[in-house]
C-alpha atoms as a PDB file:
ATOM      1  CA  MET A   1       0.018  -0.106   0.010  1.00  0.00           C
ATOM      2  CA  ALA A   2       3.041   2.462   0.971  1.00  0.00           C
ATOM      3  CA  GLY A   3       4.058   1.781  -2.648  1.00  0.00           C
ATOM      4  CA  LYS A   4       1.142   3.077  -4.232  1.00  0.00           C
ATOM      5  CA  ASN A   5       0.949   6.378  -2.173  1.00  0.00           C
ATOM      6  CA  ILE A   6       4.133   6.888  -3.201  1.00  0.00           C
ATOM      7  CA  LEU A   7       3.435   6.415  -6.770  1.00  0.00           C
ATOM      8  CA  VAL A   8       0.206   8.779  -6.545  1.00  0.00           C
ATOM      9  CA  ALA A   9       2.767  11.556  -4.440  1.00  0.00           C
ATOM     10  CA  THR A  10       5.209  11.511  -7.605  1.00  0.00           C
ATOM     11  CA  GLU A  11       2.557  12.379 -10.125  1.00  0.00           C
ATOM     12  CA  ASN A  12       1.627  15.446  -7.913  1.00  0.00           C
ATOM     13  CA  ILE A  13       5.041  16.470  -6.640  1.00  0.00           C
ATOM     14  CA  GLU A  14       5.872  18.794  -9.570  1.00  0.00           C
ATOM     15  CA  SER A  15       2.441  20.857  -9.194  1.00  0.00           C
ATOM     16  CA  LYS A  16       3.533  21.317  -5.678  1.00  0.00           C
ATOM     17  CA  ILE A  17       6.731  23.232  -6.592  1.00  0.00           C
ATOM     18  CA  LEU A  18       6.517  26.750  -6.660  1.00  0.00           C
ATOM     19  CA  PHE A  19       8.994  29.483  -7.966  1.00  0.00           C
ATOM     20  CA  ILE A  20       9.457  32.177  -5.029  1.00  0.00           C
ATOM     21  CA  ARG A  21      12.369  34.911  -4.315  1.00  0.00           C
ATOM     22  CA  GLY A  22      14.052  33.215  -7.644  1.00  0.00           C
ATOM     23  CA  HIS A  23      14.203  29.818  -6.418  1.00  0.00           C
ATOM     24  CA  LYS A  24      12.120  26.637  -6.855  1.00  0.00           C
ATOM     25  CA  VAL A  25      11.008  25.496  -3.549  1.00  0.00           C
ATOM     26  CA  MET A  26       7.923  23.471  -1.739  1.00  0.00           C
ATOM     27  CA  LEU A  27       6.264  24.687   1.039  1.00  0.00           C
ATOM     28  CA  ASP A  28       6.364  22.801   4.496  1.00  0.00           C
ATOM     29  CA  ALA A  29       2.704  21.804   4.528  1.00  0.00           C
ATOM     30  CA  ASP A  30       3.080  20.241   0.914  1.00  0.00           C
ATOM     31  CA  LEU A  31       6.224  18.619   1.936  1.00  0.00           C
ATOM     32  CA  ALA A  32       4.648  17.152   5.369  1.00  0.00           C
ATOM     33  CA  GLU A  33       1.837  15.765   3.721  1.00  0.00           C
ATOM     34  CA  LEU A  34       4.139  14.127   1.260  1.00  0.00           C
ATOM     35  CA  TYR A  35       6.663  12.830   3.899  1.00  0.00           C
ATOM     36  CA  GLY A  36       3.440  11.548   5.690  1.00  0.00           C
ATOM     37  CA  VAL A  37       3.751  14.074   9.052  1.00  0.00           C
ATOM     38  CA  GLU A  38       2.309  16.680  10.417  1.00  0.00           C
ATOM     39  CA  THR A  39       3.568  20.117   9.141  1.00  0.00           C
ATOM     40  CA  GLY A  40       4.050  21.138  12.806  1.00  0.00           C
ATOM     41  CA  ALA A  41       6.158  17.944  13.639  1.00  0.00           C
ATOM     42  CA  LEU A  42       8.424  19.128  10.256  1.00  0.00           C
ATOM     43  CA  ASN A  43       8.795  22.109  11.484  1.00  0.00           C
ATOM     44  CA  ARG A  44       9.851  21.054  14.808  1.00  0.00           C
ATOM     45  CA  ALA A  45      12.252  18.616  13.327  1.00  0.00           C
ATOM     46  CA  VAL A  46      13.654  21.585  11.381  1.00  0.00           C
ATOM     47  CA  LYS A  47      14.092  23.746  14.416  1.00  0.00           C
ATOM     48  CA  ARG A  48      15.834  21.253  16.517  1.00  0.00           C
ATOM     49  CA  ASN A  49      18.181  20.999  13.191  1.00  0.00           C
ATOM     50  CA  ASN A  50      18.229  24.389  12.645  1.00  0.00           C
ATOM     51  CA  GLU A  51      22.255  24.354  11.781  1.00  0.00           C
ATOM     52  CA  ARG A  52      21.222  21.956   8.819  1.00  0.00           C
ATOM     53  CA  PHE A  53      18.915  24.603   7.105  1.00  0.00           C
ATOM     54  CA  PRO A  54      20.784  27.625   5.909  1.00  0.00           C
ATOM     55  CA  GLU A  55      18.967  30.481   3.679  1.00  0.00           C
ATOM     56  CA  ASP A  56      19.446  28.536   0.217  1.00  0.00           C
ATOM     57  CA  PHE A  57      17.745  25.445   2.184  1.00  0.00           C
ATOM     58  CA  MET A  58      15.038  27.114   3.538  1.00  0.00           C
ATOM     59  CA  PHE A  59      13.364  30.272   4.271  1.00  0.00           C
ATOM     60  CA  GLN A  60      10.334  31.777   5.820  1.00  0.00           C
ATOM     61  CA  LEU A  61       8.146  33.754   3.743  1.00  0.00           C
ATOM     62  CA  THR A  62       6.950  36.851   4.501  1.00  0.00           C
ATOM     63  CA  ALA A  63       3.299  37.963   5.148  1.00  0.00           C
ATOM     64  CA  GLU A  64       3.312  39.676   1.644  1.00  0.00           C
ATOM     65  CA  GLU A  65       4.798  36.332   0.023  1.00  0.00           C
ATOM     66  CA  PHE A  66       1.933  34.275   1.572  1.00  0.00           C
ATOM     67  CA  ALA A  67      -1.092  36.823   0.798  1.00  0.00           C
ATOM     68  CA  ASN A  68       0.213  36.729  -2.810  1.00  0.00           C
ATOM     69  CA  LEU A  69       0.261  33.032  -2.592  1.00  0.00           C
ATOM     70  CA  LYS A  70      -2.934  32.457  -1.252  1.00  0.00           C
ATOM     71  CA  CYS A  71      -4.517  34.617  -4.014  1.00  0.00           C
ATOM     72  CA  GLN A  72      -2.785  32.500  -6.467  1.00  0.00           C
ATOM     73  CA  ILE A  73      -3.070  29.083  -5.341  1.00  0.00           C
ATOM     74  CA  GLY A  74      -6.482  29.694  -3.583  1.00  0.00           C
ATOM     75  CA  ILE A  75      -5.420  28.971   0.185  1.00  0.00           C
ATOM     76  CA  SER A  76      -8.051  29.913   2.564  1.00  0.00           C
ATOM     77  CA  SER A  77      -7.742  33.266   4.221  1.00  0.00           C
ATOM     78  CA  TRP A  78      -9.313  31.994   7.516  1.00  0.00           C
ATOM     79  CA  GLY A  79      -8.238  29.324   9.895  1.00  0.00           C
ATOM     80  CA  GLY A  80      -5.340  26.741   9.089  1.00  0.00           C
ATOM     81  CA  ARG A  81      -1.933  28.419   9.908  1.00  0.00           C
ATOM     82  CA  ARG A  82      -0.752  30.381  12.863  1.00  0.00           C
ATOM     83  CA  LYS A  83       2.597  31.142  11.353  1.00  0.00           C
ATOM     84  CA  LEU A  84       3.820  31.933   7.973  1.00  0.00           C
ATOM     85  CA  PRO A  85       5.080  29.170   6.022  1.00  0.00           C
ATOM     86  CA  TYR A  86       8.465  27.897   5.414  1.00  0.00           C
ATOM     87  CA  ALA A  87       9.615  27.228   1.909  1.00  0.00           C
ATOM     88  CA  PHE A  88      12.256  24.274   1.284  1.00  0.00           C
ATOM     89  CA  THR A  89      14.542  24.730  -2.001  1.00  0.00           C
ATOM     90  CA  GLU A  90      15.799  21.288  -3.668  1.00  0.00           C
ATOM     91  CA  HIS A  91      18.624  20.860  -1.032  1.00  0.00           C
ATOM     92  CA  GLY A  92      16.423  21.789   1.793  1.00  0.00           C
ATOM     93  CA  VAL A  93      13.838  18.975   0.612  1.00  0.00           C
ATOM     94  CA  ILE A  94      16.682  16.334   0.713  1.00  0.00           C
ATOM     95  CA  MET A  95      17.930  17.725   4.225  1.00  0.00           C
ATOM     96  CA  ALA A  96      14.366  17.533   5.991  1.00  0.00           C
ATOM     97  CA  ALA A  97      14.190  13.729   4.855  1.00  0.00           C
ATOM     98  CA  SER A  98      17.096  13.324   6.615  1.00  0.00           C
ATOM     99  CA  VAL A  99      16.180  14.881  10.010  1.00  0.00           C
ATOM    100  CA  LEU A 100      12.700  13.153   9.801  1.00  0.00           C
ATOM    101  CA  ASN A 101      14.451   9.632   9.534  1.00  0.00           C
ATOM    102  CA  SER A 102      11.334   7.822   8.314  1.00  0.00           C
ATOM    103  CA  LEU A 103      11.696   5.478   5.689  1.00  0.00           C
ATOM    104  CA  ARG A 104       8.567   7.150   3.839  1.00  0.00           C
ATOM    105  CA  ALA A 105      10.726  10.372   3.832  1.00  0.00           C
ATOM    106  CA  ILE A 106      13.656   8.913   2.598  1.00  0.00           C
ATOM    107  CA  GLU A 107      11.446   7.448  -0.582  1.00  0.00           C
ATOM    108  CA  ILE A 108       9.699  10.429  -1.394  1.00  0.00           C
ATOM    109  CA  SER A 109      12.846  12.380  -1.230  1.00  0.00           C
ATOM    110  CA  VAL A 110      14.365  10.630  -4.134  1.00  0.00           C
ATOM    111  CA  HIS A 111      10.765  11.129  -5.839  1.00  0.00           C
ATOM    112  CA  VAL A 112      10.660  15.428  -5.263  1.00  0.00           C
ATOM    113  CA  VAL A 113      14.495  15.325  -6.043  1.00  0.00           C
ATOM    114  CA  ARG A 114      13.560  13.818  -9.377  1.00  0.00           C
ATOM    115  CA  ALA A 115      10.937  16.300  -9.797  1.00  0.00           C
ATOM    116  CA  PHE A 116      13.171  19.032  -9.214  1.00  0.00           C
ATOM    117  CA  ALA A 117      15.496  17.652 -11.981  1.00  0.00           C
ATOM    118  CA  HIS A 118      12.673  17.469 -14.408  1.00  0.00           C
ATOM    119  CA  LEU A 119      11.753  20.937 -14.114  1.00  0.00           C
ATOM    120  CA  ARG A 120      15.538  22.075 -14.488  1.00  0.00           C
ATOM    121  CA  GLU A 121      15.193  20.045 -17.666  1.00  0.00           C
ATOM    122  CA  LEU A 122      12.254  21.737 -19.008  1.00  0.00           C
ATOM    123  CA  ILE A 123      13.293  25.126 -18.088  1.00  0.00           C
ATOM    124  CA  SER A 124      16.805  24.333 -19.922  1.00  0.00           C
ATOM    125  CA  SER A 125      14.723  23.364 -23.178  1.00  0.00           C
ATOM    126  CA  HIS A 126      12.643  26.360 -22.970  1.00  0.00           C
ATOM    127  CA  LYS A 127      15.553  28.596 -22.618  1.00  0.00           C
ATOM    128  CA  GLU A 128      17.193  26.824 -25.753  1.00  0.00           C
ATOM    129  CA  LEU A 129      13.726  27.230 -27.784  1.00  0.00           C
ATOM    130  CA  SER A 130      13.841  30.812 -26.760  1.00  0.00           C
ATOM    131  CA  GLN A 131      17.446  31.285 -28.062  1.00  0.00           C
ATOM    132  CA  LYS A 132      16.519  29.713 -31.306  1.00  0.00           C
ATOM    133  CA  LEU A 133      12.960  31.581 -31.964  1.00  0.00           C
ATOM    134  CA  ASN A 134      15.566  34.736 -31.314  1.00  0.00           C
ATOM    135  CA  GLN A 135      17.857  34.059 -33.921  1.00  0.00           C
ATOM    136  CA  LEU A 136      15.021  33.171 -36.426  1.00  0.00           C
ATOM    137  CA  GLU A 137      13.273  36.539 -35.579  1.00  0.00           C
ATOM    138  CA  ARG A 138      16.560  38.306 -36.260  1.00  0.00           C
ATOM    139  CA  LYS A 139      16.993  36.652 -39.609  1.00  0.00           C
ATOM    140  CA  VAL A 140      13.216  37.118 -40.488  1.00  0.00           C
ATOM    141  CA  GLY A 141      13.649  40.853 -39.821  1.00  0.00           C
ATOM    142  CA  ALA A 142      16.829  40.694 -42.087  1.00  0.00           C
ATOM    143  CA  HIS A 143      14.779  39.088 -44.553  1.00  0.00           C
ATOM    144  CA  ASP A 144      11.660  41.348 -44.070  1.00  0.00           C
ATOM    145  CA  ARG A 145      13.681  44.552 -44.898  1.00  0.00           C
ATOM    146  CA  ALA A 146      15.446  43.211 -47.880  1.00  0.00           C
ATOM    147  CA  ILE A 147      11.618  42.126 -49.010  1.00  0.00           C
ATOM    148  CA  ALA A 148      10.536  45.592 -48.291  1.00  0.00           C
ATOM    149  CA  GLU A 149      13.033  47.003 -50.259  1.00  0.00           C
ATOM    150  CA  LEU A 150      12.555  44.670 -53.117  1.00  0.00           C
ATOM    151  CA  ILE A 151       8.950  45.684 -53.068  1.00  0.00           C
ATOM    152  CA  ASN A 152       9.891  49.262 -53.102  1.00  0.00           C
ATOM    153  CA  ALA A 153      11.840  48.494 -56.110  1.00  0.00           C
ATOM    154  CA  ILE A 154       9.017  47.024 -57.793  1.00  0.00           C
ATOM    155  CA  ARG A 155       6.651  49.425 -57.443  1.00  0.00           C
ATOM    156  CA  GLU A 156       8.905  52.165 -58.763  1.00  0.00           C
ATOM    157  CA  LEU A 157       9.590  50.277 -61.884  1.00  0.00           C
ATOM    158  CA  MET A 158       5.592  50.086 -62.195  1.00  0.00           C
ATOM    159  CA  THR A 159       4.983  53.536 -61.805  1.00  0.00           C
ATOM    160  CA  PRO A 160       3.627  54.753 -65.292  1.00  0.00           C
ATOM    161  CA  LEU A 161       6.194  57.194 -67.015  1.00  0.00           C
ATOM    162  CA  GLU A 162       3.337  59.862 -67.392  1.00  0.00           C
ATOM    163  CA  SER A 163       3.365  60.420 -63.485  1.00  0.00           C
ATOM    164  CA  LYS A 164       7.021  60.819 -63.583  1.00  0.00           C
ATOM    165  CA  LYS A 165       8.388  64.082 -64.351  1.00  0.00           C
ATOM    166  CA  LYS A 166       9.652  64.156 -67.813  1.00  0.00           C
ATOM    167  CA  ARG A 167      13.192  65.651 -68.609  1.00  0.00           C
ATOM    168  CA  SER A 168      13.924  66.749 -71.853  1.00  0.00           C
ATOM    169  CA  ILE A 169      16.854  65.121 -73.894  1.00  0.00           C
ATOM    170  CA  GLY A 170      19.414  66.968 -75.802  1.00  0.00           C
ATOM    171  CA  PHE A 171      20.773  70.434 -75.092  1.00  0.00           C
ATOM    172  CA  ALA A 172      18.612  73.356 -74.571  1.00  0.00           C
ATOM    173  CA  PRO A 173      19.286  76.853 -76.422  1.00  0.00           C
ATOM    174  CA  TRP A 174      21.375  79.376 -75.535  1.00  0.00           C
ATOM    175  CA  LYS A 175      19.431  82.124 -73.854  1.00  0.00           C
ATOM    176  CA  GLU A 176      20.992  85.438 -73.446  1.00  0.00           C
ATOM    177  CA  LYS A 177      20.070  87.807 -70.513  1.00  0.00           C
END
């Protein structure tokens, strides 16, 4: 039965990874749910091992960040949390599993790390695609200018002779003033 729960969790992990302060993170409540513990138990274990969680592993959201998050993902504005949530980076997720020291936490952390790695691959492929589109746009832009010049030259050639100012050919007679 535990294996099935882990499989279900793996399918939903990526949707729980958020982008906050320039980092891909998971909130303490989501991580606790995956690890099969209460959010308070996770946070107490982290506080007991505070030296293992530098700022690049875990940080607490500000009130403004939490308010924005509630608006974006539909967290209830009443009840529930009494303290601002903690956000765990990929390294913090691994460290949290080690301080919980449960078999489930260790198994889930492997899946979570794989989800973070998959998102890294997706972001990388999007950057490559974006660069290629920018290159194509520059090429097309250069071709657009050349095509516009060609169209203008064709229009110039198509302009009837009558509409062009006629110049007389030959010498003008000498006129004395």
